[in-house]
Amino acid sequence: MSIEDRKKLEEAINEITAQLNELREAIQMVQNRIAAISSELNELRLAFETLNTIEKYGGQREALLALDRRGYAYIRANITVSDRAIVHIGQDIYVSLPLDKAKSVLSMRERDLLSALREAEAEFRKLNDIYTQLQKKLQEYVTALTQQQQSQHTAG
């Protein structure tokens, strides 16, 4: 292998390494997006189940309300209206709706989130496939360079 060929191989290795680093960052961003969507889906499903519980036990006016997402602290509260819920419908807009309509809004939002999750997962798979292909190509180049260096040492 000529010196020029070796330099081209080293340049290709450096280029692929840079591409792998960029892909790693892109993959991390997609993984973060998947985690955020999954977390939002869990919160949405919890809200839906809570509305189901309120609907089922509507006559019971006392409830425990979590003060945080993890359930570290609760307070006892009286539910004064158990046939309506205030639901976020987007852009800092909240509306008071009957429970069935509120659950319908949550179901539509869940469908949107599931669609976004599927898209993010597809993007993740695509980026991961590209990453794997580039890793294989990098390994081929590194192997070729290593073999070339070893043959120079045995010949020299």
N, C-alpha and C. Protein backbone atom coordinates (compact mmCIF):
# COMPACT_ATOMS: atom_id res chain seq x y z
N MET A 1 0.86 -1.17 0.00
CA MET A 1 0.00 0.00 0.00
C MET A 1 0.90 1.23 0.00
N SER A 2 0.60 2.15 -0.88
CA SER A 2 1.41 3.35 -0.99
C SER A 2 1.10 4.32 0.16
N ILE A 3 1.99 5.27 0.33
CA ILE A 3 1.79 6.29 1.37
C ILE A 3 0.52 7.07 1.08
N GLU A 4 0.26 7.33 -0.18
CA GLU A 4 -0.96 8.07 -0.57
C GLU A 4 -2.21 7.26 -0.21
N ASP A 5 -2.17 5.96 -0.47
CA ASP A 5 -3.31 5.10 -0.11
C ASP A 5 -3.52 5.07 1.40
N ARG A 6 -2.41 5.02 2.15
CA ARG A 6 -2.50 5.00 3.60
C ARG A 6 -3.12 6.30 4.11
N LYS A 7 -2.70 7.43 3.53
CA LYS A 7 -3.26 8.72 3.95
C LYS A 7 -4.75 8.80 3.64
N LYS A 8 -5.15 8.28 2.48
CA LYS A 8 -6.58 8.27 2.13
C LYS A 8 -7.36 7.41 3.12
N LEU A 9 -6.79 6.30 3.50
CA LEU A 9 -7.43 5.41 4.46
C LEU A 9 -7.56 6.09 5.82
N GLU A 10 -6.50 6.77 6.25
CA GLU A 10 -6.55 7.50 7.53
C GLU A 10 -7.59 8.62 7.49
N GLU A 11 -7.68 9.31 6.35
CA GLU A 11 -8.68 10.37 6.20
C GLU A 11 -10.09 9.79 6.27
N ALA A 12 -10.28 8.65 5.61
CA ALA A 12 -11.59 7.99 5.64
C ALA A 12 -11.94 7.57 7.06
N ILE A 13 -10.96 7.07 7.80
CA ILE A 13 -11.19 6.67 9.19
C ILE A 13 -11.59 7.88 10.02
N ASN A 14 -10.89 8.99 9.84
CA ASN A 14 -11.22 10.22 10.58
C ASN A 14 -12.62 10.72 10.22
N GLU A 15 -12.95 10.66 8.94
CA GLU A 15 -14.27 11.12 8.49
C GLU A 15 -15.39 10.25 9.08
N ILE A 16 -15.20 8.95 9.03
CA ILE A 16 -16.22 8.04 9.57
C ILE A 16 -16.34 8.23 11.09
N THR A 17 -15.22 8.43 11.76
CA THR A 17 -15.25 8.66 13.20
C THR A 17 -16.06 9.91 13.52
N ALA A 18 -15.87 10.97 12.75
CA ALA A 18 -16.64 12.21 12.95
C ALA A 18 -18.13 11.96 12.70
N GLN A 19 -18.43 11.20 11.65
CA GLN A 19 -19.83 10.88 11.35
C GLN A 19 -20.45 10.06 12.48
N LEU A 20 -19.70 9.12 13.01
CA LEU A 20 -20.20 8.31 14.12
C LEU A 20 -20.49 9.17 15.35
N ASN A 21 -19.62 10.14 15.61
CA ASN A 21 -19.86 11.04 16.74
C ASN A 21 -21.13 11.86 16.53
N GLU A 22 -21.34 12.36 15.32
CA GLU A 22 -22.56 13.11 15.02
C GLU A 22 -23.79 12.22 15.16
N LEU A 23 -23.68 11.01 14.65
CA LEU A 23 -24.80 10.06 14.75
C LEU A 23 -25.10 9.71 16.20
N ARG A 24 -24.06 9.56 17.02
CA ARG A 24 -24.24 9.26 18.43
C ARG A 24 -25.06 10.37 19.10
N GLU A 25 -24.74 11.62 18.76
CA GLU A 25 -25.49 12.75 19.32
C GLU A 25 -26.94 12.74 18.84
N ALA A 26 -27.14 12.46 17.55
CA ALA A 26 -28.50 12.41 17.00
C ALA A 26 -29.30 11.28 17.64
N ILE A 27 -28.66 10.14 17.83
CA ILE A 27 -29.32 9.00 18.47
C ILE A 27 -29.71 9.36 19.90
N GLN A 28 -28.82 10.04 20.61
CA GLN A 28 -29.11 10.44 21.99
C GLN A 28 -30.31 11.39 22.03
N MET A 29 -30.37 12.32 21.08
CA MET A 29 -31.51 13.25 21.03
C MET A 29 -32.81 12.50 20.77
N VAL A 30 -32.79 11.53 19.87
CA VAL A 30 -33.99 10.75 19.59
C VAL A 30 -34.38 9.91 20.80
N GLN A 31 -33.39 9.33 21.47
CA GLN A 31 -33.68 8.55 22.69
C GLN A 31 -34.31 9.45 23.76
N ASN A 32 -33.81 10.66 23.88
CA ASN A 32 -34.40 11.61 24.85
C ASN A 32 -35.84 11.94 24.47
N ARG A 33 -36.08 12.12 23.17
CA ARG A 33 -37.44 12.40 22.70
C ARG A 33 -38.36 11.22 22.99
N ILE A 34 -37.88 10.01 22.75
CA ILE A 34 -38.67 8.80 23.04
C ILE A 34 -39.00 8.74 24.53
N ALA A 35 -38.02 9.02 25.37
CA ALA A 35 -38.25 8.99 26.82
C ALA A 35 -39.27 10.05 27.24
N ALA A 36 -39.18 11.24 26.65
CA ALA A 36 -40.12 12.32 27.00
C ALA A 36 -41.53 11.96 26.56
N ILE A 37 -41.67 11.41 25.36
CA ILE A 37 -43.00 11.02 24.87
C ILE A 37 -43.56 9.90 25.74
N SER A 38 -42.73 8.93 26.08
CA SER A 38 -43.18 7.82 26.93
C SER A 38 -43.63 8.31 28.29
N SER A 39 -42.89 9.25 28.85
CA SER A 39 -43.25 9.82 30.14
C SER A 39 -44.59 10.56 30.05
N GLU A 40 -44.75 11.32 28.98
CA GLU A 40 -46.01 12.05 28.78
C GLU A 40 -47.18 11.08 28.60
N LEU A 41 -46.94 9.98 27.88
CA LEU A 41 -47.98 8.96 27.72
C LEU A 41 -48.37 8.36 29.07
N ASN A 42 -47.39 8.09 29.90
CA ASN A 42 -47.69 7.55 31.23
C ASN A 42 -48.53 8.52 32.05
N GLU A 43 -48.17 9.80 32.00
CA GLU A 43 -48.93 10.82 32.73
C GLU A 43 -50.36 10.91 32.20
N LEU A 44 -50.49 10.85 30.89
CA LEU A 44 -51.80 10.93 30.25
C LEU A 44 -52.67 9.73 30.65
N ARG A 45 -52.07 8.56 30.65
CA ARG A 45 -52.82 7.35 31.04
C ARG A 45 -53.22 7.39 32.51
N LEU A 46 -52.35 7.95 33.34
CA LEU A 46 -52.68 8.11 34.75
C LEU A 46 -53.86 9.06 34.91
N ALA A 47 -53.86 10.16 34.16
CA ALA A 47 -54.98 11.11 34.22
C ALA A 47 -56.27 10.42 33.77
N PHE A 48 -56.19 9.63 32.72
CA PHE A 48 -57.37 8.92 32.21
C PHE A 48 -57.92 7.96 33.27
N GLU A 49 -57.02 7.19 33.89
CA GLU A 49 -57.44 6.25 34.93
C GLU A 49 -58.01 6.98 36.14
N THR A 50 -57.45 8.12 36.48
CA THR A 50 -57.98 8.90 37.59
C THR A 50 -59.39 9.39 37.28
N LEU A 51 -59.61 9.84 36.05
CA LEU A 51 -60.96 10.24 35.65
C LEU A 51 -61.92 9.06 35.73
N ASN A 52 -61.47 7.88 35.31
CA ASN A 52 -62.31 6.68 35.43
C ASN A 52 -62.67 6.41 36.88
N THR A 53 -61.70 6.55 37.77
CA THR A 53 -61.94 6.32 39.19
C THR A 53 -62.92 7.34 39.75
N ILE A 54 -62.74 8.59 39.39
CA ILE A 54 -63.66 9.64 39.86
C ILE A 54 -65.07 9.36 39.34
N GLU A 55 -65.15 8.94 38.08
CA GLU A 55 -66.45 8.62 37.49
C GLU A 55 -67.10 7.45 38.22
N LYS A 56 -66.30 6.44 38.55
CA LYS A 56 -66.81 5.24 39.20
C LYS A 56 -67.26 5.52 40.63
N TYR A 57 -66.47 6.31 41.35
CA TYR A 57 -66.76 6.59 42.76
C TYR A 57 -67.17 8.05 42.95
N GLY A 58 -67.94 8.56 42.02
CA GLY A 58 -68.32 9.97 42.02
C GLY A 58 -68.95 10.47 43.30
N GLY A 59 -69.69 9.62 43.99
CA GLY A 59 -70.35 10.05 45.22
C GLY A 59 -69.38 10.27 46.36
N GLN A 60 -68.23 9.66 46.27
CA GLN A 60 -67.22 9.81 47.31
C GLN A 60 -66.52 11.15 47.08
N ARG A 61 -66.65 12.07 48.01
CA ARG A 61 -66.16 13.43 47.79
C ARG A 61 -64.74 13.67 48.29
N GLU A 62 -64.21 12.77 49.11
CA GLU A 62 -62.87 12.98 49.64
C GLU A 62 -61.86 12.18 48.82
N ALA A 63 -60.71 12.78 48.58
CA ALA A 63 -59.68 12.11 47.78
C ALA A 63 -58.31 12.50 48.30
N LEU A 64 -57.33 11.66 47.98
CA LEU A 64 -55.94 12.00 48.24
C LEU A 64 -55.36 12.57 46.96
N LEU A 65 -54.77 13.75 47.05
CA LEU A 65 -54.17 14.38 45.88
C LEU A 65 -52.66 14.42 46.04
N ALA A 66 -51.97 13.92 45.04
CA ALA A 66 -50.50 13.94 45.07
C ALA A 66 -50.02 15.37 44.87
N LEU A 67 -49.01 15.75 45.62
CA LEU A 67 -48.43 17.07 45.48
C LEU A 67 -47.26 17.07 44.51
N ASP A 68 -46.90 15.91 44.03
CA ASP A 68 -45.79 15.78 43.09
C ASP A 68 -46.04 14.57 42.20
N ARG A 69 -45.22 14.39 41.20
CA ARG A 69 -45.41 13.29 40.26
C ARG A 69 -45.03 11.93 40.82
N ARG A 70 -44.13 11.91 41.78
CA ARG A 70 -43.64 10.64 42.32
C ARG A 70 -44.43 10.12 43.51
N GLY A 71 -45.33 10.93 44.04
CA GLY A 71 -46.12 10.48 45.17
C GLY A 71 -45.40 10.55 46.50
N TYR A 72 -44.51 11.51 46.66
CA TYR A 72 -43.81 11.67 47.92
C TYR A 72 -44.70 12.30 48.99
N ALA A 73 -45.64 13.11 48.55
CA ALA A 73 -46.52 13.78 49.52
C ALA A 73 -47.92 13.89 48.94
N TYR A 74 -48.91 13.73 49.82
CA TYR A 74 -50.33 13.81 49.44
C TYR A 74 -51.04 14.74 50.41
N ILE A 75 -52.18 15.23 49.97
CA ILE A 75 -53.08 15.94 50.89
C ILE A 75 -54.47 15.37 50.69
N ARG A 76 -55.27 15.46 51.74
CA ARG A 76 -56.68 15.08 51.62
C ARG A 76 -57.42 16.29 51.07
N ALA A 77 -58.30 16.02 50.13
CA ALA A 77 -59.06 17.12 49.53
C ALA A 77 -60.48 16.67 49.28
N ASN A 78 -61.37 17.61 49.27
CA ASN A 78 -62.76 17.34 48.94
C ASN A 78 -63.01 17.74 47.49
N ILE A 79 -63.58 16.82 46.75
CA ILE A 79 -63.93 17.10 45.35
C ILE A 79 -65.34 17.68 45.37
N THR A 80 -65.44 18.94 44.97
CA THR A 80 -66.75 19.59 45.01
C THR A 80 -67.56 19.30 43.76
N VAL A 81 -66.88 19.12 42.64
CA VAL A 81 -67.57 18.79 41.38
C VAL A 81 -66.91 17.54 40.84
N SER A 82 -67.67 16.46 40.75
CA SER A 82 -67.07 15.21 40.28
C SER A 82 -67.59 14.78 38.92
N ASP A 83 -68.35 15.65 38.26
CA ASP A 83 -68.87 15.29 36.95
C ASP A 83 -68.18 16.05 35.82
N ARG A 84 -67.17 16.87 36.17
CA ARG A 84 -66.44 17.65 35.17
C ARG A 84 -64.95 17.61 35.51
N ALA A 85 -64.14 17.83 34.50
CA ALA A 85 -62.69 17.92 34.70
C ALA A 85 -62.16 19.08 33.87
N ILE A 86 -61.12 19.69 34.35
CA ILE A 86 -60.46 20.76 33.59
C ILE A 86 -59.31 20.10 32.84
N VAL A 87 -59.35 20.23 31.51
CA VAL A 87 -58.43 19.51 30.64
C VAL A 87 -57.62 20.49 29.80
N HIS A 88 -56.33 20.19 29.68
CA HIS A 88 -55.44 20.97 28.82
C HIS A 88 -55.70 20.58 27.37
N ILE A 89 -56.00 21.57 26.54
CA ILE A 89 -56.27 21.27 25.13
C ILE A 89 -55.21 21.86 24.21
N GLY A 90 -54.16 22.43 24.77
CA GLY A 90 -53.05 22.95 23.97
C GLY A 90 -52.81 24.42 24.21
N GLN A 91 -51.57 24.83 24.00
CA GLN A 91 -51.15 26.23 24.10
C GLN A 91 -51.67 26.93 25.34
N ASP A 92 -51.46 26.37 26.48
CA ASP A 92 -51.89 26.96 27.76
C ASP A 92 -53.39 27.22 27.83
N ILE A 93 -54.17 26.44 27.11
CA ILE A 93 -55.62 26.58 27.14
C ILE A 93 -56.20 25.36 27.86
N TYR A 94 -57.02 25.63 28.85
CA TYR A 94 -57.68 24.59 29.63
C TYR A 94 -59.18 24.84 29.58
N VAL A 95 -59.94 23.76 29.50
CA VAL A 95 -61.40 23.89 29.48
C VAL A 95 -62.02 22.91 30.46
N SER A 96 -63.15 23.30 31.00
CA SER A 96 -63.92 22.43 31.88
C SER A 96 -64.87 21.63 31.02
N LEU A 97 -64.76 20.31 31.11
CA LEU A 97 -65.57 19.42 30.28
C LEU A 97 -66.21 18.34 31.13
N PRO A 98 -67.35 17.80 30.66
CA PRO A 98 -67.89 16.61 31.31
C PRO A 98 -66.84 15.50 31.24
N LEU A 99 -66.89 14.58 32.18
CA LEU A 99 -65.85 13.54 32.26
C LEU A 99 -65.70 12.75 30.97
N ASP A 100 -66.81 12.41 30.31
CA ASP A 100 -66.69 11.62 29.08
C ASP A 100 -65.98 12.42 27.98
N LYS A 101 -66.26 13.71 27.89
CA LYS A 101 -65.58 14.56 26.89
C LYS A 101 -64.11 14.74 27.27
N ALA A 102 -63.84 14.89 28.57
CA ALA A 102 -62.46 15.04 29.03
C ALA A 102 -61.65 13.79 28.67
N LYS A 103 -62.25 12.61 28.89
CA LYS A 103 -61.57 11.36 28.55
C LYS A 103 -61.37 11.25 27.04
N SER A 104 -62.31 11.77 26.28
CA SER A 104 -62.18 11.76 24.82
C SER A 104 -61.00 12.62 24.38
N VAL A 105 -60.85 13.78 25.00
CA VAL A 105 -59.71 14.66 24.70
C VAL A 105 -58.40 13.95 25.04
N LEU A 106 -58.37 13.29 26.19
CA LEU A 106 -57.17 12.56 26.59
C LEU A 106 -56.87 11.40 25.63
N SER A 107 -57.91 10.73 25.16
CA SER A 107 -57.72 9.63 24.21
C SER A 107 -57.15 10.13 22.89
N MET A 108 -57.65 11.27 22.42
CA MET A 108 -57.11 11.85 21.18
C MET A 108 -55.65 12.23 21.35
N ARG A 109 -55.33 12.81 22.49
CA ARG A 109 -53.95 13.19 22.77
C ARG A 109 -53.06 11.94 22.85
N GLU A 110 -53.59 10.87 23.42
CA GLU A 110 -52.83 9.62 23.49
C GLU A 110 -52.54 9.09 22.09
N ARG A 111 -53.52 9.15 21.21
CA ARG A 111 -53.29 8.69 19.82
C ARG A 111 -52.19 9.51 19.16
N ASP A 112 -52.23 10.84 19.36
CA ASP A 112 -51.20 11.70 18.79
C ASP A 112 -49.81 11.34 19.34
N LEU A 113 -49.75 11.11 20.64
CA LEU A 113 -48.47 10.77 21.26
C LEU A 113 -47.97 9.41 20.79
N LEU A 114 -48.88 8.45 20.64
CA LEU A 114 -48.47 7.13 20.14
C LEU A 114 -47.91 7.23 18.73
N SER A 115 -48.53 8.07 17.92
CA SER A 115 -48.04 8.30 16.56
C SER A 115 -46.64 8.93 16.60
N ALA A 116 -46.47 9.93 17.45
CA ALA A 116 -45.16 10.58 17.59
C ALA A 116 -44.12 9.58 18.11
N LEU A 117 -44.53 8.71 19.01
CA LEU A 117 -43.62 7.70 19.55
C LEU A 117 -43.19 6.72 18.46
N ARG A 118 -44.14 6.27 17.65
CA ARG A 118 -43.80 5.36 16.54
C ARG A 118 -42.83 6.03 15.57
N GLU A 119 -43.06 7.30 15.26
CA GLU A 119 -42.15 8.02 14.36
C GLU A 119 -40.75 8.13 14.96
N ALA A 120 -40.68 8.46 16.24
CA ALA A 120 -39.38 8.59 16.90
C ALA A 120 -38.67 7.24 16.95
N GLU A 121 -39.41 6.18 17.22
CA GLU A 121 -38.79 4.85 17.25
C GLU A 121 -38.30 4.44 15.87
N ALA A 122 -39.04 4.79 14.82
CA ALA A 122 -38.60 4.49 13.45
C ALA A 122 -37.33 5.28 13.13
N GLU A 123 -37.29 6.54 13.54
CA GLU A 123 -36.10 7.35 13.32
C GLU A 123 -34.91 6.76 14.08
N PHE A 124 -35.15 6.30 15.30
CA PHE A 124 -34.09 5.68 16.09
C PHE A 124 -33.54 4.45 15.37
N ARG A 125 -34.43 3.59 14.88
CA ARG A 125 -33.98 2.38 14.18
C ARG A 125 -33.16 2.75 12.94
N LYS A 126 -33.62 3.75 12.21
CA LYS A 126 -32.91 4.18 11.00
C LYS A 126 -31.51 4.69 11.35
N LEU A 127 -31.42 5.56 12.35
CA LEU A 127 -30.12 6.09 12.76
C LEU A 127 -29.22 4.98 13.29
N ASN A 128 -29.80 4.06 14.03
CA ASN A 128 -29.03 2.95 14.58
C ASN A 128 -28.49 2.05 13.47
N ASP A 129 -29.29 1.83 12.43
CA ASP A 129 -28.83 1.03 11.29
C ASP A 129 -27.65 1.71 10.59
N ILE A 130 -27.78 3.01 10.37
CA ILE A 130 -26.70 3.77 9.74
C ILE A 130 -25.44 3.70 10.61
N TYR A 131 -25.63 3.85 11.91
CA TYR A 131 -24.51 3.79 12.85
C TYR A 131 -23.80 2.44 12.76
N THR A 132 -24.58 1.37 12.72
CA THR A 132 -24.01 0.02 12.63
C THR A 132 -23.23 -0.16 11.33
N GLN A 133 -23.79 0.33 10.22
CA GLN A 133 -23.11 0.22 8.93
C GLN A 133 -21.78 0.99 8.95
N LEU A 134 -21.81 2.19 9.52
CA LEU A 134 -20.58 2.98 9.59
C LEU A 134 -19.54 2.32 10.50
N GLN A 135 -20.00 1.72 11.58
CA GLN A 135 -19.06 1.01 12.47
C GLN A 135 -18.38 -0.13 11.73
N LYS A 136 -19.15 -0.87 10.93
CA LYS A 136 -18.57 -1.97 10.16
C LYS A 136 -17.54 -1.45 9.17
N LYS A 137 -17.89 -0.36 8.48
CA LYS A 137 -16.97 0.23 7.51
C LYS A 137 -15.71 0.72 8.21
N LEU A 138 -15.87 1.34 9.37
CA LEU A 138 -14.72 1.81 10.14
C LEU A 138 -13.82 0.63 10.52
N GLN A 139 -14.44 -0.45 10.96
CA GLN A 139 -13.66 -1.63 11.35
C GLN A 139 -12.88 -2.18 10.16
N GLU A 140 -13.51 -2.19 8.98
CA GLU A 140 -12.81 -2.65 7.77
C GLU A 140 -11.59 -1.79 7.49
N TYR A 141 -11.76 -0.47 7.59
CA TYR A 141 -10.65 0.45 7.31
C TYR A 141 -9.54 0.31 8.34
N VAL A 142 -9.92 0.19 9.61
CA VAL A 142 -8.91 0.04 10.67
C VAL A 142 -8.16 -1.27 10.48
N THR A 143 -8.86 -2.33 10.13
CA THR A 143 -8.22 -3.63 9.88
C THR A 143 -7.25 -3.52 8.71
N ALA A 144 -7.68 -2.87 7.63
CA ALA A 144 -6.81 -2.71 6.46
C ALA A 144 -5.57 -1.90 6.82
N LEU A 145 -5.75 -0.84 7.59
CA LEU A 145 -4.62 0.00 7.99
C LEU A 145 -3.67 -0.78 8.90
N THR A 146 -4.22 -1.54 9.82
CA THR A 146 -3.41 -2.34 10.74
C THR A 146 -2.61 -3.40 9.97
N GLN A 147 -3.27 -4.06 9.04
CA GLN A 147 -2.58 -5.07 8.23
C GLN A 147 -1.46 -4.44 7.41
N GLN A 148 -1.72 -3.26 6.89
CA GLN A 148 -0.72 -2.56 6.08
C GLN A 148 0.48 -2.19 6.95
N GLN A 149 0.21 -1.72 8.16
CA GLN A 149 1.31 -1.35 9.06
C GLN A 149 2.10 -2.59 9.48
N GLN A 150 1.41 -3.70 9.73
CA GLN A 150 2.10 -4.93 10.12
C GLN A 150 2.96 -5.47 8.98
N SER A 151 2.45 -5.37 7.76
CA SER A 151 3.23 -5.87 6.63
C SER A 151 4.46 -4.99 6.39
N GLN A 152 4.38 -3.70 6.71
CA GLN A 152 5.54 -2.82 6.58
C GLN A 152 6.59 -3.17 7.62
N HIS A 153 6.14 -3.51 8.84
CA HIS A 153 7.08 -3.85 9.91
C HIS A 153 7.79 -5.17 9.62
N THR A 154 7.06 -6.14 9.08
CA THR A 154 7.69 -7.44 8.78
C THR A 154 8.59 -7.34 7.55
N ALA A 155 8.24 -6.44 6.62
CA ALA A 155 9.06 -6.27 5.42
C ALA A 155 10.28 -5.39 5.72
N GLY A 156 10.13 -4.48 6.70
CA GLY A 156 11.21 -3.53 6.99
C GLY A 156 12.14 -4.04 7.98
